[in-house]
Amino acid sequence: MTDAPAGLATAIGALSQALSTTSKPFMIIGGIAVIARGVPRHTDDVDATIQAEGIELEELLAALANQSIVPRIPDALDFARRRQVLLLRHEPSDTEIEVTLAWLPFEIEALDRAEVVDFGGAQAPVAAAEDLLVYKAVAFRERDRADIERLLELHADEINLPRVRGIVKQFAEALDEPERLRAFDELTQRTLGK
């Protein structure tokens, strides 16, 4: 069980119930997932992802609305179609939620590897530590680099680092940012002492 503040646990429970109605795989990613994997840190929001193939966004928004999760921007559907992310808010807890639409092979594989975690009574599938490394390496802000270090320290024995590095390399090439892979390699070598 992972301790989550009451508002976040309520939002996670509502989100899990709403996404479960789609019959598509989904999981928690982002800061809450990092916390679920043992890293002590603070977060105020909930990030999730859902397999996008076959999803009707209007139906998804209706399912979310049934759990008091509503768009937090005008034209949320248009934004989601362009950016592949729904920007939402759980009204009862005033928690911001982002649900990304998963299309890429890595994302689909990560969804298959998710494990259910209990957040103080709210259960939801959560990304594996190994897959969180990839998500964090793609975002690669200062907070993400710190998360990578802590995830590596806690889960080094269960992480297939060559797999992670290969996926990060693909993203770095797609983003035309070869320095991203170099920075990731430096970070992992420094953290693991290799």
C-alpha atoms as a PDB file:
ATOM      1  CA  MET A   1       0.000   0.000   0.000  1.00  0.00           C
ATOM      2  CA  THR A   2       1.199   3.481  -0.845  1.00  0.00           C
ATOM      3  CA  ASP A   3       0.257   6.375   1.380  1.00  0.00           C
ATOM      4  CA  ALA A   4      -1.264   9.185  -0.668  1.00  0.00           C
ATOM      5  CA  PRO A   5      -2.900  12.339   0.660  1.00  0.00           C
ATOM      6  CA  ALA A   6      -6.661  11.875   0.920  1.00  0.00           C
ATOM      7  CA  GLY A   7      -7.415  14.190  -2.013  1.00  0.00           C
ATOM      8  CA  LEU A   8      -4.980  12.409  -4.311  1.00  0.00           C
ATOM      9  CA  ALA A   9      -6.239   8.972  -3.241  1.00  0.00           C
ATOM     10  CA  THR A  10      -9.811  10.088  -3.964  1.00  0.00           C
ATOM     11  CA  ALA A  11      -8.791  11.424  -7.376  1.00  0.00           C
ATOM     12  CA  ILE A  12      -6.887   8.215  -8.184  1.00  0.00           C
ATOM     13  CA  GLY A  13      -9.903   6.111  -7.222  1.00  0.00           C
ATOM     14  CA  ALA A  14     -12.242   8.186  -9.377  1.00  0.00           C
ATOM     15  CA  LEU A  15      -9.825   8.114 -12.300  1.00  0.00           C
ATOM     16  CA  SER A  16      -9.344   4.354 -12.019  1.00  0.00           C
ATOM     17  CA  GLN A  17     -13.098   3.788 -11.973  1.00  0.00           C
ATOM     18  CA  ALA A  18     -13.619   6.008 -15.011  1.00  0.00           C
ATOM     19  CA  LEU A  19     -10.795   4.505 -17.077  1.00  0.00           C
ATOM     20  CA  SER A  20     -11.842   0.959 -16.158  1.00  0.00           C
ATOM     21  CA  THR A  21     -15.127   1.483 -17.999  1.00  0.00           C
ATOM     22  CA  THR A  22     -13.253   1.739 -21.319  1.00  0.00           C
ATOM     23  CA  SER A  23     -11.884  -1.836 -21.161  1.00  0.00           C
ATOM     24  CA  LYS A  24      -8.575  -0.400 -22.410  1.00  0.00           C
ATOM     25  CA  PRO A  25      -5.340  -0.855 -20.443  1.00  0.00           C
ATOM     26  CA  PHE A  26      -4.337   2.187 -18.418  1.00  0.00           C
ATOM     27  CA  MET A  27      -1.846   3.019 -15.679  1.00  0.00           C
ATOM     28  CA  ILE A  28      -0.617   5.740 -13.384  1.00  0.00           C
ATOM     29  CA  ILE A  29       2.647   7.414 -14.432  1.00  0.00           C
ATOM     30  CA  GLY A  30       4.431  10.560 -13.253  1.00  0.00           C
ATOM     31  CA  GLY A  31       5.091  11.588  -9.668  1.00  0.00           C
ATOM     32  CA  ILE A  32       2.442   9.387  -8.067  1.00  0.00           C
ATOM     33  CA  ALA A  33       3.915   6.337  -9.808  1.00  0.00           C
ATOM     34  CA  VAL A  34       7.401   7.297  -8.632  1.00  0.00           C
ATOM     35  CA  ILE A  35       6.073   7.575  -5.062  1.00  0.00           C
ATOM     36  CA  ALA A  36       4.390   4.166  -5.472  1.00  0.00           C
ATOM     37  CA  ARG A  37       7.800   2.769  -6.423  1.00  0.00           C
ATOM     38  CA  GLY A  38       9.265   3.922  -3.109  1.00  0.00           C
ATOM     39  CA  VAL A  39      10.678   7.365  -3.862  1.00  0.00           C
ATOM     40  CA  PRO A  40       9.720   9.900  -1.193  1.00  0.00           C
ATOM     41  CA  ARG A  41       8.720  13.116  -2.928  1.00  0.00           C
ATOM     42  CA  HIS A  42       5.822  15.530  -3.228  1.00  0.00           C
ATOM     43  CA  THR A  43       3.253  15.848  -5.994  1.00  0.00           C
ATOM     44  CA  ASP A  44      -0.077  17.618  -6.283  1.00  0.00           C
ATOM     45  CA  ASP A  45      -1.422  16.019  -9.457  1.00  0.00           C
ATOM     46  CA  VAL A  46      -2.124  12.666 -11.062  1.00  0.00           C
ATOM     47  CA  ASP A  47      -0.721  11.561 -14.424  1.00  0.00           C
ATOM     48  CA  ALA A  48      -2.051   8.532 -16.238  1.00  0.00           C
ATOM     49  CA  THR A  49      -1.956   6.996 -19.684  1.00  0.00           C
ATOM     50  CA  ILE A  50      -4.435   4.822 -21.566  1.00  0.00           C
ATOM     51  CA  GLN A  51      -4.169   2.756 -24.733  1.00  0.00           C
ATOM     52  CA  ALA A  52      -5.511   5.061 -27.436  1.00  0.00           C
ATOM     53  CA  GLU A  53      -6.438   2.640 -30.196  1.00  0.00           C
ATOM     54  CA  GLY A  54     -10.215   2.382 -30.419  1.00  0.00           C
ATOM     55  CA  ILE A  55     -10.880   5.085 -27.811  1.00  0.00           C
ATOM     56  CA  GLU A  56     -13.665   7.531 -28.567  1.00  0.00           C
ATOM     57  CA  LEU A  57     -12.646  10.716 -26.796  1.00  0.00           C
ATOM     58  CA  GLU A  58     -16.226  11.893 -26.318  1.00  0.00           C
ATOM     59  CA  GLU A  59     -17.099   8.635 -24.568  1.00  0.00           C
ATOM     60  CA  LEU A  60     -13.949   8.822 -22.479  1.00  0.00           C
ATOM     61  CA  LEU A  61     -14.814  12.359 -21.362  1.00  0.00           C
ATOM     62  CA  ALA A  62     -18.343  11.214 -20.470  1.00  0.00           C
ATOM     63  CA  ALA A  63     -16.945   8.347 -18.354  1.00  0.00           C
ATOM     64  CA  LEU A  64     -14.601  10.781 -16.622  1.00  0.00           C
ATOM     65  CA  ALA A  65     -17.433  13.259 -16.026  1.00  0.00           C
ATOM     66  CA  ASN A  66     -19.425  10.469 -14.320  1.00  0.00           C
ATOM     67  CA  GLN A  67     -16.623  10.457 -11.722  1.00  0.00           C
ATOM     68  CA  SER A  68     -16.569  14.283 -11.437  1.00  0.00           C
ATOM     69  CA  ILE A  69     -13.428  14.562 -13.580  1.00  0.00           C
ATOM     70  CA  VAL A  70     -13.881  17.429 -16.006  1.00  0.00           C
ATOM     71  CA  PRO A  71     -11.767  19.332 -18.553  1.00  0.00           C
ATOM     72  CA  ARG A  72      -9.727  22.141 -17.070  1.00  0.00           C
ATOM     73  CA  ILE A  73      -9.260  24.000 -20.357  1.00  0.00           C
ATOM     74  CA  PRO A  74     -11.677  25.131 -23.053  1.00  0.00           C
ATOM     75  CA  ASP A  75     -11.701  22.942 -26.173  1.00  0.00           C
ATOM     76  CA  ALA A  76     -10.199  20.006 -24.279  1.00  0.00           C
ATOM     77  CA  LEU A  77     -11.222  17.558 -27.033  1.00  0.00           C
ATOM     78  CA  ASP A  78      -9.518  19.553 -29.757  1.00  0.00           C
ATOM     79  CA  PHE A  79      -6.421  19.911 -27.575  1.00  0.00           C
ATOM     80  CA  ALA A  80      -6.388  16.146 -26.916  1.00  0.00           C
ATOM     81  CA  ARG A  81      -6.666  15.362 -30.621  1.00  0.00           C
ATOM     82  CA  ARG A  82      -3.715  17.640 -31.385  1.00  0.00           C
ATOM     83  CA  ARG A  83      -1.510  16.929 -28.349  1.00  0.00           C
ATOM     84  CA  GLN A  84      -2.614  13.417 -27.307  1.00  0.00           C
ATOM     85  CA  VAL A  85      -3.351  14.485 -23.737  1.00  0.00           C
ATOM     86  CA  LEU A  86      -6.510  15.312 -21.812  1.00  0.00           C
ATOM     87  CA  LEU A  87      -6.057  18.117 -19.274  1.00  0.00           C
ATOM     88  CA  LEU A  88      -8.543  17.466 -16.479  1.00  0.00           C
ATOM     89  CA  ARG A  89      -9.517  18.276 -12.902  1.00  0.00           C
ATOM     90  CA  HIS A  90     -11.160  16.098 -10.284  1.00  0.00           C
ATOM     91  CA  GLU A  91     -13.702  18.554  -8.884  1.00  0.00           C
ATOM     92  CA  PRO A  92     -14.281  17.122  -5.367  1.00  0.00           C
ATOM     93  CA  SER A  93     -10.561  17.132  -4.496  1.00  0.00           C
ATOM     94  CA  ASP A  94      -9.524  19.953  -6.872  1.00  0.00           C
ATOM     95  CA  THR A  95      -6.758  17.670  -8.176  1.00  0.00           C
ATOM     96  CA  GLU A  96      -5.306  18.268 -11.626  1.00  0.00           C
ATOM     97  CA  ILE A  97      -5.159  15.157 -13.799  1.00  0.00           C
ATOM     98  CA  GLU A  98      -3.485  14.501 -17.141  1.00  0.00           C
ATOM     99  CA  VAL A  99      -4.397  11.453 -19.203  1.00  0.00           C
ATOM    100  CA  THR A 100      -2.097  10.848 -22.151  1.00  0.00           C
ATOM    101  CA  LEU A 101      -3.147   8.724 -25.102  1.00  0.00           C
ATOM    102  CA  ALA A 102      -0.720   5.842 -25.589  1.00  0.00           C
ATOM    103  CA  TRP A 103       0.077   4.863 -29.174  1.00  0.00           C
ATOM    104  CA  LEU A 104       3.789   4.010 -29.268  1.00  0.00           C
ATOM    105  CA  PRO A 105       5.037   0.418 -28.985  1.00  0.00           C
ATOM    106  CA  PHE A 106       6.966   1.281 -25.810  1.00  0.00           C
ATOM    107  CA  GLU A 107       3.799   2.690 -24.223  1.00  0.00           C
ATOM    108  CA  ILE A 108       1.726  -0.376 -25.114  1.00  0.00           C
ATOM    109  CA  GLU A 109       4.431  -2.659 -23.721  1.00  0.00           C
ATOM    110  CA  ALA A 110       4.633  -0.567 -20.545  1.00  0.00           C
ATOM    111  CA  LEU A 111       0.857  -0.833 -20.102  1.00  0.00           C
ATOM    112  CA  ASP A 112       1.175  -4.632 -20.237  1.00  0.00           C
ATOM    113  CA  ARG A 113       3.835  -4.529 -17.506  1.00  0.00           C
ATOM    114  CA  ALA A 114       1.897  -2.333 -15.047  1.00  0.00           C
ATOM    115  CA  GLU A 115       1.128  -3.656 -11.570  1.00  0.00           C
ATOM    116  CA  VAL A 116      -1.865  -2.788  -9.400  1.00  0.00           C
ATOM    117  CA  VAL A 117      -1.012  -0.686  -6.341  1.00  0.00           C
ATOM    118  CA  ASP A 118      -3.254   0.303  -3.441  1.00  0.00           C
ATOM    119  CA  PHE A 119      -3.272   4.023  -2.662  1.00  0.00           C
ATOM    120  CA  GLY A 120      -4.986   4.070   0.713  1.00  0.00           C
ATOM    121  CA  GLY A 121      -8.059   2.226  -0.538  1.00  0.00           C
ATOM    122  CA  ALA A 122      -7.915   3.355  -4.169  1.00  0.00           C
ATOM    123  CA  GLN A 123      -6.422   0.755  -6.472  1.00  0.00           C
ATOM    124  CA  ALA A 124      -4.861   1.469  -9.861  1.00  0.00           C
ATOM    125  CA  PRO A 125      -2.266  -0.068 -12.161  1.00  0.00           C
ATOM    126  CA  VAL A 126       1.104   1.691 -11.942  1.00  0.00           C
ATOM    127  CA  ALA A 127       4.025   1.753 -14.367  1.00  0.00           C
ATOM    128  CA  ALA A 128       6.954  -0.499 -13.505  1.00  0.00           C
ATOM    129  CA  ALA A 129      10.092   1.236 -12.202  1.00  0.00           C
ATOM    130  CA  GLU A 130      11.953   0.268 -15.375  1.00  0.00           C
ATOM    131  CA  ASP A 131       9.347   1.919 -17.593  1.00  0.00           C
ATOM    132  CA  LEU A 132       9.216   5.002 -15.369  1.00  0.00           C
ATOM    133  CA  LEU A 133      12.905   5.489 -16.154  1.00  0.00           C
ATOM    134  CA  VAL A 134      12.008   5.848 -19.835  1.00  0.00           C
ATOM    135  CA  TYR A 135       9.145   8.270 -19.166  1.00  0.00           C
ATOM    136  CA  LYS A 136      11.453  10.335 -16.961  1.00  0.00           C
ATOM    137  CA  ALA A 137      14.273  10.282 -19.523  1.00  0.00           C
ATOM    138  CA  VAL A 138      11.902  11.593 -22.198  1.00  0.00           C
ATOM    139  CA  ALA A 139      10.734  14.513 -20.027  1.00  0.00           C
ATOM    140  CA  PHE A 140      14.203  14.972 -18.453  1.00  0.00           C
ATOM    141  CA  ARG A 141      13.509  18.058 -16.364  1.00  0.00           C
ATOM    142  CA  GLU A 142      15.475  18.505 -13.151  1.00  0.00           C
ATOM    143  CA  ARG A 143      12.762  16.724 -11.132  1.00  0.00           C
ATOM    144  CA  ASP A 144      12.805  13.848 -13.657  1.00  0.00           C
ATOM    145  CA  ARG A 145      16.576  13.447 -13.384  1.00  0.00           C
ATOM    146  CA  ALA A 146      16.260  13.275  -9.581  1.00  0.00           C
ATOM    147  CA  ASP A 147      13.524  10.645  -9.972  1.00  0.00           C
ATOM    148  CA  ILE A 148      15.770   8.610 -12.288  1.00  0.00           C
ATOM    149  CA  GLU A 149      18.551   8.632  -9.700  1.00  0.00           C
ATOM    150  CA  ARG A 150      16.258   7.493  -6.875  1.00  0.00           C
ATOM    151  CA  LEU A 151      14.540   4.824  -8.990  1.00  0.00           C
ATOM    152  CA  LEU A 152      17.931   3.440  -9.980  1.00  0.00           C
ATOM    153  CA  GLU A 153      19.123   3.438  -6.370  1.00  0.00           C
ATOM    154  CA  LEU A 154      16.012   1.587  -5.204  1.00  0.00           C
ATOM    155  CA  HIS A 155      15.417  -0.792  -8.119  1.00  0.00           C
ATOM    156  CA  ALA A 156      18.792  -1.374  -9.816  1.00  0.00           C
ATOM    157  CA  ASP A 157      18.556  -5.159  -9.398  1.00  0.00           C
ATOM    158  CA  GLU A 158      15.222  -5.405 -11.255  1.00  0.00           C
ATOM    159  CA  ILE A 159      15.930  -2.952 -14.080  1.00  0.00           C
ATOM    160  CA  ASN A 160      17.104  -4.069 -17.511  1.00  0.00           C
ATOM    161  CA  LEU A 161      19.277  -1.025 -18.153  1.00  0.00           C
ATOM    162  CA  PRO A 162      20.296  -2.026 -21.717  1.00  0.00           C
ATOM    163  CA  ARG A 163      16.564  -2.202 -22.615  1.00  0.00           C
ATOM    164  CA  VAL A 164      15.910   1.198 -21.048  1.00  0.00           C
ATOM    165  CA  ARG A 165      18.940   2.716 -22.758  1.00  0.00           C
ATOM    166  CA  GLY A 166      17.839   1.334 -26.135  1.00  0.00           C
ATOM    167  CA  ILE A 167      14.397   2.908 -25.790  1.00  0.00           C
ATOM    168  CA  VAL A 168      15.864   6.216 -24.581  1.00  0.00           C
ATOM    169  CA  LYS A 169      18.167   6.139 -27.616  1.00  0.00           C
ATOM    170  CA  GLN A 170      15.154   5.731 -29.929  1.00  0.00           C
ATOM    171  CA  PHE A 171      13.418   8.709 -28.305  1.00  0.00           C
ATOM    172  CA  ALA A 172      16.599  10.800 -28.459  1.00  0.00           C
ATOM    173  CA  GLU A 173      16.899  10.044 -32.184  1.00  0.00           C
ATOM    174  CA  ALA A 174      13.224  10.813 -32.805  1.00  0.00           C
ATOM    175  CA  LEU A 175      13.588  14.109 -30.929  1.00  0.00           C
ATOM    176  CA  ASP A 176      16.892  14.825 -32.748  1.00  0.00           C
ATOM    177  CA  GLU A 177      18.535  15.273 -29.356  1.00  0.00           C
ATOM    178  CA  PRO A 178      21.573  12.949 -29.243  1.00  0.00           C
ATOM    179  CA  GLU A 179      22.776  14.799 -26.147  1.00  0.00           C
ATOM    180  CA  ARG A 180      19.783  13.359 -24.266  1.00  0.00           C
ATOM    181  CA  LEU A 181      21.257   9.853 -24.466  1.00  0.00           C
ATOM    182  CA  ARG A 182      24.687  11.098 -23.393  1.00  0.00           C
ATOM    183  CA  ALA A 183      23.159  12.890 -20.406  1.00  0.00           C
ATOM    184  CA  PHE A 184      21.133   9.795 -19.491  1.00  0.00           C
ATOM    185  CA  ASP A 185      24.265   7.615 -19.701  1.00  0.00           C
ATOM    186  CA  GLU A 186      26.205  10.031 -17.492  1.00  0.00           C
ATOM    187  CA  LEU A 187      23.387  10.086 -14.966  1.00  0.00           C
ATOM    188  CA  THR A 188      23.061   6.304 -14.781  1.00  0.00           C
ATOM    189  CA  GLN A 189      26.844   5.780 -14.589  1.00  0.00           C
ATOM    190  CA  ARG A 190      27.180   8.351 -11.803  1.00  0.00           C
ATOM    191  CA  THR A 191      24.232   6.869  -9.884  1.00  0.00           C
ATOM    192  CA  LEU A 192      25.240   3.242 -10.234  1.00  0.00           C
ATOM    193  CA  GLY A 193      28.992   3.887  -9.958  1.00  0.00           C
ATOM    194  CA  LYS A 194      29.689   2.110 -13.249  1.00  0.00           C
END
